Amino acid sequence: MRFGASPAFFIFIRLTIAVPHVWPNPQLDYLERLRFDQEGYNTADLTGILQPCDFHLSGAGTGRSNAGDWIRTAFHDMATHDVTTGKGGLDGSIRFAEEQARPENPGDHFARTVRFLGVPADQYVSLADMLALGLILAVEQCGGPEIPFRGGRVDALAPNDPGVPEPQQDLESHIASFAKQGFNATEMIGLVACGHTFGGVQHTAFPDLVPELNDPENTESNAPFDSTFVTFDNNVASEYIAGTTTNPLIVNSNDTMNSDKRIFASDGNATMTSFASNADHFRSTCSDLLTRMIETVPAAVELTPVIEPLRIKPEIEELLYTAGGALNLRGALRLWDVNLDLDHPIVRMERKDRDGTPSNDTIELKHEAWMTGSALHNGLRVSTAWYWFPEEQSNIIIDETRGVGSLVFNVNGQQEDQGGLGFAIDDTVLFAASSCTSNSNSLLGRIDVAVRRGLSPSKVYIKSYAFDRNTAELITEEFELILSSSPAAGSYDIWSISLGAMTRSISFRAHVNIGNSTHSSLGREFVLRNQPKCL
């Protein structure tokens, strides 16, 4: 398995303890999925929009790329940081219309990026996390270095103070602006060069800087920073040093707007010369500086350890309480960095009951040829393979009185149990198969939740988290359930709610508060419209 050390740079001096990622951990599991389920089966579907690297959300022939937009958005969001006060940084405040309307943030890059990258945001992953990940994937997928990814960013509740550098400002203003963010003058040169290996300046954003080009292959009149503006390389430096650059922030007839020229030359071209003469040096410098950039966060925010791929990772689709008094387990297992032709994996799964007793039934998981994927990691293309839980179209029926406490896997005779911990399953609260939709509207109906009897819950409720593309806000809704007047016979009670009016949500998680603990439903979010009609 290929795992490498990742550099960790912080604007603030802080100690981050690399706590091992033990499944299940809803936050780390989701961050890992977004980071590494990149292509193929069960993809998180973020990298497809970066391929080819000249692809743009507004269509072909625009002269722009999603990669350039994503990198610019992350920088403009971060650039509000103030190292003195600890305020601002990469915190998603760029989503606010007030920030986007400022002269320092011209163009539609930010709104487009937020609308796309915000969709996966939920209670575990913030928009700010997604902006950081968007930069990482843009750089890596388009030829750049690997950048370590940490989660845990917290989205701002209001716009931050202005602070993004602008082209017409003088060199002293730029040095002061980057110093406020936490970067010295040399790092300023590097960060600008690293960001400007992608993208360019559009006429619509800077009509006085870039003329209308009237080019059907460049409909948004984008003036690129270098000749290879959709891929990562050191041409932004080599063309500058050679005097062949067409960078509009260097060769503009109005020298007031030539901010890159002033910044690059501020140390006598020493930094840019080193980048131009050594592509590896440029690559490693950009990895370090872009890491620092996306880890520039408000002082109170504590980031997670670097997200690394799990070698063995279950993906639970659902754990459902059925009418027959049984638990229905659906899911799959991902193997990371596997060569199916050489390894020929045989994967088996064993269960332990709720009390830790082995269930004494071993199930061989099933793999189909199309259940493969891949991801970039440590500069290599890594293959993944998925294996279904097989019974009854990947359903496993479990006696409710015994329940399920953990899973253990065996791959080609080697036991995989997270160092003896097993892969824990919490069957305290489950959605019930008796849930149903209204005959007139599939977004309305009754949601039933099963809670293990005898636990004295103080509250049973469902909760939803959905990113609203129109308002760029994470919408949270919560509904408390009541105990059914006809409780199920067996080990679980049924709690219910009838949704008779439209909600802003279409999917939910179930939660139960017991003492000082909260237990949550396992698996993907419950979607009401996928349930049968109510009788």
Protein backbone atom coordinates (compact mmCIF):
# COMPACT_ATOMS: atom_id res chain seq x y z
CA MET A 1 0.00 0.00 0.00
CA ARG A 2 1.30 3.45 -0.88
CA PHE A 3 1.11 5.97 1.93
CA GLY A 4 3.43 8.97 2.13
CA ALA A 5 4.22 11.63 4.67
CA SER A 6 2.52 14.97 4.07
CA PRO A 7 3.89 18.38 5.06
CA ALA A 8 1.82 20.27 7.62
CA PHE A 9 2.17 24.04 7.67
CA PHE A 10 0.12 26.36 9.82
CA ILE A 11 -0.19 30.11 10.01
CA PHE A 12 -0.81 29.66 13.73
CA ILE A 13 1.47 27.63 15.97
CA ARG A 14 -0.74 24.73 16.96
CA LEU A 15 -0.28 21.08 17.81
CA THR A 16 -2.27 18.64 15.74
CA ILE A 17 -2.18 15.08 17.01
CA ALA A 18 -2.48 12.56 14.19
CA VAL A 19 -5.24 10.46 15.73
CA PRO A 20 -5.74 7.29 13.67
CA HIS A 21 -8.84 7.26 11.50
CA VAL A 22 -10.95 4.45 12.93
CA TRP A 23 -14.17 3.60 11.09
CA PRO A 24 -16.88 4.62 11.74
CA ASN A 25 -16.17 8.29 12.11
CA PRO A 26 -18.86 10.17 10.17
CA GLN A 27 -16.77 13.28 9.63
CA LEU A 28 -13.52 11.57 8.62
CA ASP A 29 -15.36 8.90 6.61
CA TYR A 30 -17.11 11.53 4.52
CA LEU A 31 -13.99 13.64 4.07
CA GLU A 32 -12.11 10.52 2.97
CA ARG A 33 -14.84 9.63 0.49
CA LEU A 34 -14.83 13.10 -1.07
CA ARG A 35 -11.03 13.10 -1.22
CA PHE A 36 -10.35 9.63 -2.59
CA ASP A 37 -13.44 8.14 -4.26
CA GLN A 38 -12.48 10.12 -7.34
CA GLU A 39 -13.34 8.03 -10.40
CA GLY A 40 -15.29 4.93 -11.32
CA TYR A 41 -17.67 3.02 -9.09
CA ASN A 42 -19.24 4.90 -6.15
CA THR A 43 -17.44 8.10 -7.10
CA ALA A 44 -17.96 11.29 -5.12
CA ASP A 45 -18.23 12.90 -8.59
CA LEU A 46 -15.96 15.90 -8.08
CA THR A 47 -13.06 15.19 -10.44
CA GLY A 48 -15.11 14.48 -13.56
CA ILE A 49 -15.82 18.17 -13.99
CA LEU A 50 -12.06 18.82 -14.05
CA GLN A 51 -11.45 16.52 -17.00
CA PRO A 52 -10.35 17.60 -19.48
CA CYS A 53 -8.59 20.41 -17.66
CA ASP A 54 -9.92 23.05 -20.05
CA PHE A 55 -13.53 22.17 -19.19
CA HIS A 56 -15.70 24.94 -17.76
CA LEU A 57 -19.17 24.89 -16.26
CA SER A 58 -20.42 27.47 -18.75
CA GLY A 59 -19.51 25.27 -21.70
CA ALA A 60 -16.81 24.70 -24.28
CA GLY A 61 -14.92 27.49 -25.99
CA THR A 62 -15.12 30.00 -23.16
CA GLY A 63 -11.36 30.24 -22.68
CA ARG A 64 -11.82 29.46 -18.99
CA SER A 65 -11.42 26.36 -16.84
CA ASN A 66 -13.06 25.12 -13.67
CA ALA A 67 -9.61 24.49 -12.21
CA GLY A 68 -8.68 28.15 -12.52
CA ASP A 69 -11.98 29.28 -11.01
CA TRP A 70 -11.69 26.92 -8.04
CA ILE A 71 -8.13 28.01 -7.22
CA ARG A 72 -9.03 31.70 -7.47
CA THR A 73 -12.10 31.24 -5.26
CA ALA A 74 -10.09 29.54 -2.51
CA PHE A 75 -7.51 32.35 -2.51
CA HIS A 76 -10.08 35.14 -2.43
CA ASP A 77 -11.89 33.42 0.43
CA MET A 78 -8.64 33.01 2.40
CA ALA A 79 -7.26 36.49 1.66
CA THR A 80 -9.48 38.16 4.26
CA HIS A 81 -7.37 36.61 7.04
CA ASP A 82 -5.75 38.81 9.67
CA VAL A 83 -2.93 37.12 11.60
CA THR A 84 -3.12 39.76 14.32
CA THR A 85 -6.77 39.27 15.22
CA GLY A 86 -7.10 35.66 14.06
CA LYS A 87 -10.20 36.56 12.09
CA GLY A 88 -11.02 35.62 8.51
CA GLY A 89 -9.31 33.04 6.37
CA LEU A 90 -10.70 30.08 4.48
CA ASP A 91 -14.16 30.06 6.04
CA GLY A 92 -16.63 30.15 3.16
CA SER A 93 -17.44 33.84 3.57
CA ILE A 94 -16.96 34.32 -0.18
CA ARG A 95 -20.46 32.86 -0.54
CA PHE A 96 -22.02 36.08 0.73
CA ALA A 97 -23.30 38.45 -1.94
CA GLU A 98 -21.77 41.36 -0.03
CA GLU A 99 -18.26 39.95 -0.47
CA GLN A 100 -18.83 39.00 -4.10
CA ALA A 101 -20.03 42.55 -4.86
CA ARG A 102 -16.79 44.17 -3.67
CA PRO A 103 -14.40 45.63 -6.27
CA GLU A 104 -11.73 43.19 -5.02
CA ASN A 105 -13.90 40.24 -6.12
CA PRO A 106 -14.98 40.91 -9.73
CA GLY A 107 -16.37 38.21 -12.00
CA ASP A 108 -18.72 35.25 -11.64
CA HIS A 109 -16.01 32.76 -10.59
CA PHE A 110 -17.07 32.76 -6.95
CA ALA A 111 -20.80 32.28 -7.41
CA ARG A 112 -20.26 29.44 -9.90
CA THR A 113 -17.71 27.70 -7.70
CA VAL A 114 -19.81 28.01 -4.55
CA ARG A 115 -22.93 26.66 -6.28
CA PHE A 116 -21.08 23.55 -7.44
CA LEU A 117 -18.69 22.80 -4.59
CA GLY A 118 -21.25 23.61 -1.91
CA VAL A 119 -23.58 20.74 -2.83
CA PRO A 120 -21.79 18.03 -0.76
CA ALA A 121 -21.66 20.28 2.33
CA ASP A 122 -23.49 18.93 5.37
CA GLN A 123 -23.08 18.68 9.14
CA TYR A 124 -19.69 16.99 8.73
CA VAL A 125 -18.16 18.95 5.84
CA SER A 126 -18.34 22.72 5.48
CA LEU A 127 -18.37 24.82 2.33
CA ALA A 128 -14.92 26.03 3.40
CA ASP A 129 -13.72 22.41 3.44
CA MET A 130 -15.10 21.98 -0.07
CA LEU A 131 -13.32 25.12 -1.31
CA ALA A 132 -10.05 23.72 0.07
CA LEU A 133 -10.71 20.34 -1.53
CA GLY A 134 -11.66 22.00 -4.82
CA LEU A 135 -8.25 23.67 -4.97
CA ILE A 136 -6.49 20.42 -4.11
CA LEU A 137 -8.29 18.42 -6.79
CA ALA A 138 -7.85 21.16 -9.40
CA VAL A 139 -4.10 21.26 -8.85
CA GLU A 140 -3.61 17.48 -8.64
CA GLN A 141 -5.90 16.49 -11.49
CA CYS A 142 -4.27 18.97 -13.84
CA GLY A 143 -0.63 18.00 -13.40
CA GLY A 144 0.26 19.59 -10.08
CA PRO A 145 1.69 18.25 -6.82
CA GLU A 146 -0.25 16.45 -4.13
CA ILE A 147 -1.54 18.75 -1.41
CA PRO A 148 -2.56 17.32 1.99
CA PHE A 149 -6.21 17.76 2.92
CA ARG A 150 -7.56 18.42 6.38
CA GLY A 151 -11.20 19.01 7.27
CA GLY A 152 -12.84 20.78 10.17
CA ARG A 153 -13.18 24.28 8.74
CA VAL A 154 -16.13 26.27 10.03
CA ASP A 155 -18.22 28.44 7.73
CA ALA A 156 -18.45 32.12 8.63
CA LEU A 157 -21.82 33.48 9.69
CA ALA A 158 -21.26 36.88 8.08
CA PRO A 159 -18.98 38.51 5.49
CA ASN A 160 -15.38 39.17 6.51
CA ASP A 161 -13.59 42.49 6.24
CA PRO A 162 -12.09 43.34 2.82
CA GLY A 163 -8.51 42.32 2.22
CA VAL A 164 -7.98 40.77 -1.24
CA PRO A 165 -5.11 42.43 -3.16
CA GLU A 166 -6.09 44.33 -6.32
CA PRO A 167 -4.02 44.83 -9.51
CA GLN A 168 -3.87 48.63 -9.34
CA GLN A 169 -2.36 48.67 -5.84
CA ASP A 170 1.33 49.45 -5.39
CA LEU A 171 3.96 46.95 -4.25
CA GLU A 172 3.97 48.17 -0.65
CA SER A 173 0.22 47.58 -0.43
CA HIS A 174 0.61 44.05 -1.77
CA ILE A 175 3.42 43.24 0.66
CA ALA A 176 1.29 44.55 3.52
CA SER A 177 -1.76 42.58 2.35
CA PHE A 178 0.12 39.28 2.16
CA ALA A 179 1.82 39.98 5.50
CA LYS A 180 -1.62 40.43 7.04
CA GLN A 181 -2.55 37.00 5.67
CA GLY A 182 0.65 35.50 7.13
CA PHE A 183 3.01 35.40 4.12
CA ASN A 184 6.32 37.24 3.78
CA ALA A 185 7.49 39.00 0.62
CA THR A 186 9.21 35.93 -0.85
CA GLU A 187 6.20 33.76 -0.11
CA MET A 188 4.00 36.40 -1.76
CA ILE A 189 5.93 35.94 -5.01
CA GLY A 190 5.62 32.18 -4.76
CA LEU A 191 1.92 32.16 -3.94
CA VAL A 192 1.07 34.48 -6.84
CA ALA A 193 3.15 32.39 -9.25
CA CYS A 194 1.60 29.15 -8.01
CA GLY A 195 -1.90 30.52 -8.39
CA HIS A 196 -1.19 32.03 -11.79
CA THR A 197 0.04 28.81 -13.39
CA PHE A 198 -3.72 28.39 -13.93
CA GLY A 199 -6.29 30.75 -15.39
CA GLY A 200 -6.17 34.31 -16.60
CA VAL A 201 -8.03 37.60 -16.59
CA GLN A 202 -11.45 37.91 -18.26
CA HIS A 203 -12.82 40.94 -20.08
CA THR A 204 -16.10 40.72 -18.15
CA ALA A 205 -14.27 41.00 -14.81
CA PHE A 206 -11.69 43.60 -15.92
CA PRO A 207 -12.99 45.38 -19.05
CA ASP A 208 -10.32 48.09 -18.74
CA LEU A 209 -7.56 45.50 -18.49
CA VAL A 210 -8.56 42.94 -21.14
CA PRO A 211 -10.24 43.97 -24.42
CA GLU A 212 -13.08 42.11 -26.08
CA LEU A 213 -11.27 39.44 -28.15
CA ASN A 214 -14.15 38.39 -30.43
CA ASP A 215 -12.78 34.85 -30.55
CA PRO A 216 -15.35 32.02 -30.95
CA GLU A 217 -12.92 29.72 -29.12
CA ASN A 218 -12.52 32.22 -26.29
CA THR A 219 -15.99 33.65 -25.88
CA GLU A 220 -15.28 35.18 -22.46
CA SER A 221 -12.15 36.93 -23.71
CA ASN A 222 -9.79 35.32 -21.23
CA ALA A 223 -6.20 36.60 -21.32
CA PRO A 224 -4.17 33.74 -19.79
CA PHE A 225 -1.29 34.10 -17.37
CA ASP A 226 0.88 31.70 -19.39
CA SER A 227 0.71 29.56 -22.52
CA THR A 228 -0.37 26.44 -20.60
CA PHE A 229 -3.01 28.01 -18.37
CA VAL A 230 -5.11 24.86 -17.82
CA THR A 231 -2.26 22.70 -16.50
CA PHE A 232 0.28 23.00 -13.70
CA ASP A 233 3.86 23.77 -14.77
CA ASN A 234 6.49 26.44 -14.28
CA ASN A 235 5.81 28.25 -17.57
CA VAL A 236 4.39 31.20 -15.64
CA ALA A 237 7.97 31.70 -14.42
CA SER A 238 10.01 30.54 -17.43
CA GLU A 239 8.05 32.71 -19.87
CA TYR A 240 8.39 35.69 -17.55
CA ILE A 241 12.17 35.28 -17.22
CA ALA A 242 12.54 34.68 -20.98
CA GLY A 243 10.58 37.82 -21.78
CA THR A 244 7.98 35.92 -23.83
CA THR A 245 5.08 36.14 -21.39
CA THR A 246 1.70 37.52 -22.42
CA ASN A 247 0.48 37.68 -18.81
CA PRO A 248 -1.94 40.65 -18.78
CA LEU A 249 -0.72 41.63 -15.31
CA ILE A 250 2.83 42.00 -16.67
CA VAL A 251 2.57 43.37 -20.22
CA ASN A 252 -0.42 45.70 -19.94
CA SER A 253 0.05 49.09 -21.56
CA ASN A 254 -1.23 50.66 -18.34
CA ASP A 255 1.66 49.90 -16.02
CA THR A 256 -0.50 50.68 -12.98
CA MET A 257 -2.31 47.36 -13.57
CA ASN A 258 0.88 45.27 -13.87
CA SER A 259 0.75 43.83 -10.36
CA ASP A 260 2.43 40.52 -11.26
CA LYS A 261 5.32 42.45 -12.82
CA ARG A 262 5.88 44.45 -9.62
CA ILE A 263 5.52 41.41 -7.37
CA PHE A 264 7.75 39.08 -9.42
CA ALA A 265 10.51 41.70 -9.74
CA SER A 266 10.39 42.77 -6.09
CA ASP A 267 13.45 40.67 -5.12
CA GLY A 268 15.38 41.31 -8.32
CA ASN A 269 13.69 38.31 -9.98
CA ALA A 270 15.60 35.88 -7.74
CA THR A 271 12.56 33.80 -6.81
CA MET A 272 11.13 33.67 -10.33
CA THR A 273 14.54 32.77 -11.76
CA SER A 274 14.77 29.83 -9.36
CA PHE A 275 11.29 28.70 -10.40
CA ALA A 276 12.09 29.04 -14.11
CA SER A 277 15.30 27.03 -13.84
CA ASN A 278 13.99 24.24 -11.62
CA ALA A 279 10.50 22.82 -12.20
CA ASP A 280 10.81 20.49 -9.21
CA HIS A 281 11.60 23.42 -6.94
CA PHE A 282 8.56 25.28 -8.24
CA ARG A 283 6.41 22.18 -7.71
CA SER A 284 7.52 21.59 -4.12
CA THR A 285 7.25 25.28 -3.24
CA CYS A 286 3.70 25.39 -4.58
CA SER A 287 2.75 22.29 -2.61
CA ASP A 288 3.99 23.95 0.59
CA LEU A 289 2.49 27.38 -0.04
CA LEU A 290 -0.89 26.14 -1.25
CA THR A 291 -1.07 23.88 1.80
CA ARG A 292 -0.45 26.86 4.04
CA MET A 293 -2.99 28.87 2.11
CA ILE A 294 -5.88 26.43 2.54
CA GLU A 295 -4.94 25.88 6.19
CA THR A 296 -5.15 29.61 6.91
CA VAL A 297 -8.31 29.59 9.00
CA PRO A 298 -9.80 31.60 11.88
CA ALA A 299 -7.85 31.18 15.10
CA ALA A 300 -10.55 29.20 16.89
CA VAL A 301 -10.76 26.53 14.20
CA GLU A 302 -9.00 23.21 14.78
CA LEU A 303 -8.39 21.17 11.65
CA THR A 304 -8.52 17.39 11.47
CA PRO A 305 -5.45 15.27 10.87
CA VAL A 306 -4.47 14.89 7.22
CA ILE A 307 -7.04 12.70 5.49
CA GLU A 308 -5.43 9.50 4.22
CA PRO A 309 -7.20 6.67 2.39
CA LEU A 310 -8.45 3.75 4.46
CA ARG A 311 -7.06 0.47 3.17
CA ILE A 312 -10.28 -1.36 4.09
CA LYS A 313 -13.45 0.70 4.21
CA PRO A 314 -17.09 -0.41 4.53
CA GLU A 315 -19.77 1.72 2.91
CA ILE A 316 -23.08 1.07 4.65
CA GLU A 317 -26.05 1.85 2.42
CA GLU A 318 -28.59 1.31 5.17
CA LEU A 319 -29.43 -0.59 8.33
CA LEU A 320 -33.21 -0.88 8.19
CA TYR A 321 -35.80 -2.22 10.63
CA THR A 322 -38.21 -4.44 8.71
CA ALA A 323 -41.80 -5.43 9.34
CA GLY A 324 -40.78 -8.97 10.18
CA GLY A 325 -38.80 -7.86 13.21
CA ALA A 326 -35.42 -8.16 11.53
CA LEU A 327 -32.60 -5.80 10.66
CA ASN A 328 -31.74 -5.44 7.00
CA LEU A 329 -28.08 -4.54 6.33
CA ARG A 330 -27.04 -3.31 2.89
CA GLY A 331 -23.61 -2.14 1.86
CA ALA A 332 -20.26 -2.79 0.27
CA LEU A 333 -16.56 -2.89 1.08
CA ARG A 334 -13.83 -0.91 -0.66
CA LEU A 335 -10.31 -2.26 -1.05
CA TRP A 336 -7.71 0.46 -1.62
CA ASP A 337 -4.66 0.05 -3.85
CA VAL A 338 -5.53 -3.37 -5.21
CA ASN A 339 -4.47 -5.13 -8.41
CA LEU A 340 -7.31 -7.50 -9.24
CA ASP A 341 -5.27 -9.36 -11.87
CA LEU A 342 -2.44 -10.09 -9.45
CA ASP A 343 -4.16 -10.22 -6.07
CA HIS A 344 -7.42 -12.03 -7.01
CA PRO A 345 -8.97 -10.96 -3.69
CA ILE A 346 -11.37 -13.30 -1.95
CA VAL A 347 -13.25 -11.25 0.61
CA ARG A 348 -15.31 -12.67 3.44
CA MET A 349 -17.26 -10.97 6.19
CA GLU A 350 -18.16 -12.10 9.70
CA ARG A 351 -20.52 -10.41 12.14
CA LYS A 352 -20.62 -10.09 15.87
CA ASP A 353 -23.90 -9.64 17.68
CA ARG A 354 -24.74 -6.59 19.71
CA ASP A 355 -23.25 -8.21 22.83
CA GLY A 356 -20.03 -9.19 21.03
CA THR A 357 -20.95 -12.83 20.46
CA PRO A 358 -19.73 -14.13 17.06
CA SER A 359 -22.66 -14.79 14.73
CA ASN A 360 -20.93 -17.90 13.33
CA ASP A 361 -21.94 -17.15 9.76
CA THR A 362 -19.28 -16.20 7.23
CA ILE A 363 -20.41 -14.48 4.05
CA GLU A 364 -18.31 -14.20 0.90
CA LEU A 365 -18.67 -10.76 -0.61
CA LYS A 366 -19.29 -10.41 -4.33
CA HIS A 367 -17.37 -8.37 -6.89
CA GLU A 368 -18.43 -7.47 -10.42
CA ALA A 369 -16.01 -6.31 -13.10
CA TRP A 370 -17.57 -2.84 -13.21
CA MET A 371 -17.14 -2.27 -9.45
CA THR A 372 -13.74 -0.60 -9.71
CA GLY A 373 -12.42 2.91 -9.29
CA SER A 374 -9.23 4.92 -9.11
CA ALA A 375 -7.71 7.98 -7.49
CA LEU A 376 -4.52 10.01 -7.58
CA HIS A 377 -2.44 9.59 -4.43
CA ASN A 378 1.22 10.41 -3.86
CA GLY A 379 1.57 11.10 -7.58
CA LEU A 380 0.33 7.65 -8.58
CA ARG A 381 -2.94 6.38 -10.00
CA VAL A 382 -4.28 3.97 -7.36
CA SER A 383 -6.94 1.36 -8.13
CA THR A 384 -9.86 0.48 -5.88
CA ALA A 385 -12.25 -2.47 -5.93
CA TRP A 386 -15.68 -2.79 -4.34
CA TYR A 387 -17.39 -5.90 -2.97
CA TRP A 388 -21.13 -6.16 -2.30
CA PHE A 389 -22.73 -7.67 0.76
CA PRO A 390 -24.34 -10.43 -1.31
CA GLU A 391 -27.56 -11.89 0.09
CA GLU A 392 -30.85 -10.88 -1.52
CA GLN A 393 -29.36 -8.19 -3.77
CA SER A 394 -26.79 -7.22 -1.13
CA ASN A 395 -29.19 -7.35 1.84
CA ILE A 396 -28.22 -9.24 4.99
CA ILE A 397 -31.06 -10.17 7.32
CA ILE A 398 -30.22 -10.04 11.03
CA ASP A 399 -32.29 -11.22 13.99
CA GLU A 400 -33.38 -8.07 15.86
CA THR A 401 -32.97 -9.70 19.27
CA ARG A 402 -29.30 -10.40 18.55
CA GLY A 403 -28.69 -7.25 16.55
CA VAL A 404 -25.30 -6.40 15.14
CA GLY A 405 -22.34 -4.94 17.00
CA SER A 406 -19.46 -5.10 14.55
CA LEU A 407 -18.11 -6.51 11.30
CA VAL A 408 -14.81 -8.24 10.60
CA PHE A 409 -13.41 -8.86 7.12
CA ASN A 410 -10.98 -11.41 5.75
CA VAL A 411 -9.06 -10.66 2.56
CA ASN A 412 -7.16 -13.59 1.06
CA GLY A 413 -6.85 -15.16 4.49
CA GLN A 414 -5.74 -12.00 6.30
CA GLN A 415 -8.08 -10.74 8.99
CA GLU A 416 -8.96 -7.05 8.77
CA ASP A 417 -10.46 -5.75 12.01
CA GLN A 418 -8.80 -2.37 12.66
CA GLY A 419 -6.31 -3.79 15.11
CA GLY A 420 -8.86 -5.85 17.02
CA LEU A 421 -11.50 -3.12 17.26
CA GLY A 422 -13.66 -4.48 14.48
CA PHE A 423 -15.83 -2.22 12.34
CA ALA A 424 -18.41 -1.11 14.89
CA ILE A 425 -22.11 -0.98 14.03
CA ASP A 426 -24.58 0.96 16.20
CA ASP A 427 -28.10 -0.47 15.88
CA THR A 428 -29.67 1.80 18.52
CA VAL A 429 -31.76 3.85 16.08
CA LEU A 430 -32.85 2.76 12.60
CA PHE A 431 -35.24 3.90 9.96
CA ALA A 432 -38.14 1.48 9.57
CA ALA A 433 -39.35 -0.14 6.36
CA SER A 434 -42.92 0.83 7.32
CA SER A 435 -42.21 4.44 6.32
CA CYS A 436 -44.31 5.50 3.35
CA THR A 437 -45.06 8.38 1.01
CA SER A 438 -48.31 10.19 0.36
CA ASN A 439 -50.35 9.00 -2.59
CA SER A 440 -50.52 12.57 -3.89
CA ASN A 441 -46.96 13.79 -3.23
CA SER A 442 -43.85 11.66 -2.80
CA LEU A 443 -42.21 14.40 -0.71
CA LEU A 444 -44.88 13.99 1.96
CA GLY A 445 -45.79 10.98 4.06
CA ARG A 446 -44.89 9.19 7.28
CA ILE A 447 -41.40 8.49 8.57
CA ASP A 448 -41.04 5.66 11.07
CA VAL A 449 -37.94 5.21 13.18
CA ALA A 450 -37.14 2.15 15.31
CA VAL A 451 -35.40 2.69 18.66
CA ARG A 452 -34.17 -0.17 20.82
CA ARG A 453 -36.60 -0.75 23.65
CA GLY A 454 -35.66 -0.10 27.27
CA LEU A 455 -33.17 2.74 26.68
CA SER A 456 -35.42 5.58 27.94
CA PRO A 457 -34.71 8.13 25.20
CA SER A 458 -35.24 11.78 26.04
CA LYS A 459 -35.70 12.76 22.41
CA VAL A 460 -36.12 10.99 19.07
CA TYR A 461 -35.85 13.17 15.98
CA ILE A 462 -34.90 13.36 12.34
CA LYS A 463 -32.64 16.04 10.95
CA SER A 464 -31.67 17.17 7.49
CA TYR A 465 -28.81 19.18 6.07
CA ALA A 466 -28.99 20.51 2.53
CA PHE A 467 -26.98 23.14 0.69
CA ASP A 468 -29.23 25.69 -0.99
CA ARG A 469 -27.63 26.73 -4.28
CA ASN A 470 -29.77 29.85 -4.48
CA THR A 471 -28.85 31.28 -1.08
CA ALA A 472 -25.48 29.48 -0.71
CA GLU A 473 -26.52 28.47 2.80
CA LEU A 474 -26.61 25.13 4.60
CA ILE A 475 -30.26 24.62 5.49
CA THR A 476 -30.95 22.58 8.63
CA GLU A 477 -34.38 21.21 9.54
CA GLU A 478 -35.30 19.12 12.57
CA PHE A 479 -38.51 17.24 13.37
CA GLU A 480 -39.23 15.50 16.66
CA LEU A 481 -40.97 12.11 16.53
CA ILE A 482 -43.56 10.66 18.90
CA LEU A 483 -43.88 7.13 20.20
CA SER A 484 -46.33 5.11 18.14
CA SER A 485 -49.52 4.08 19.90
CA SER A 486 -49.01 0.60 18.47
CA PRO A 487 -45.40 -0.24 19.30
CA ALA A 488 -43.77 -3.10 17.46
CA ALA A 489 -43.59 -6.45 19.13
CA GLY A 490 -39.96 -7.32 19.72
CA SER A 491 -36.83 -5.43 20.67
CA TYR A 492 -37.67 -2.05 19.14
CA ASP A 493 -40.29 0.68 19.59
CA ILE A 494 -41.52 2.65 16.61
CA TRP A 495 -41.46 6.45 16.69
CA SER A 496 -43.21 8.36 13.92
CA ILE A 497 -43.90 11.69 12.30
CA SER A 498 -46.30 12.56 9.50
CA LEU A 499 -44.99 15.20 7.12
CA GLY A 500 -48.16 16.80 5.81
CA ALA A 501 -46.60 20.01 4.55
CA MET A 502 -43.68 20.59 2.24
CA THR A 503 -40.26 20.78 3.83
CA ARG A 504 -37.06 22.10 2.30
CA SER A 505 -35.50 18.69 2.76
CA ILE A 506 -35.75 15.42 0.89
CA SER A 507 -33.35 13.32 2.97
CA PHE A 508 -32.84 12.81 6.69
CA ARG A 509 -30.81 11.16 9.42
CA ALA A 510 -32.43 9.79 12.57
CA HIS A 511 -31.07 10.59 16.04
CA VAL A 512 -31.91 9.61 19.59
CA ASN A 513 -30.71 11.28 22.79
CA ILE A 514 -30.11 8.85 25.64
CA GLY A 515 -28.60 10.38 28.76
CA ASN A 516 -25.63 12.45 27.66
CA SER A 517 -25.17 10.51 24.41
CA THR A 518 -26.62 10.90 20.94
CA HIS A 519 -26.93 7.90 18.64
CA SER A 520 -27.48 8.35 14.91
CA SER A 521 -28.78 6.15 12.12
CA LEU A 522 -26.12 4.36 10.11
CA GLY A 523 -25.77 4.54 6.37
CA ARG A 524 -26.69 7.09 3.79
CA GLU A 525 -29.45 9.59 4.39
CA PHE A 526 -33.03 8.32 4.33
CA VAL A 527 -34.94 9.59 1.29
CA LEU A 528 -38.70 9.66 1.82
CA ARG A 529 -39.64 9.72 -1.86
CA ASN A 530 -37.94 6.34 -2.35
CA GLN A 531 -40.41 4.64 0.01
CA PRO A 532 -43.64 2.82 -0.99
CA LYS A 533 -47.03 4.53 -1.00
CA CYS A 534 -48.96 4.65 2.26
CA LEU A 535 -51.90 2.25 2.40
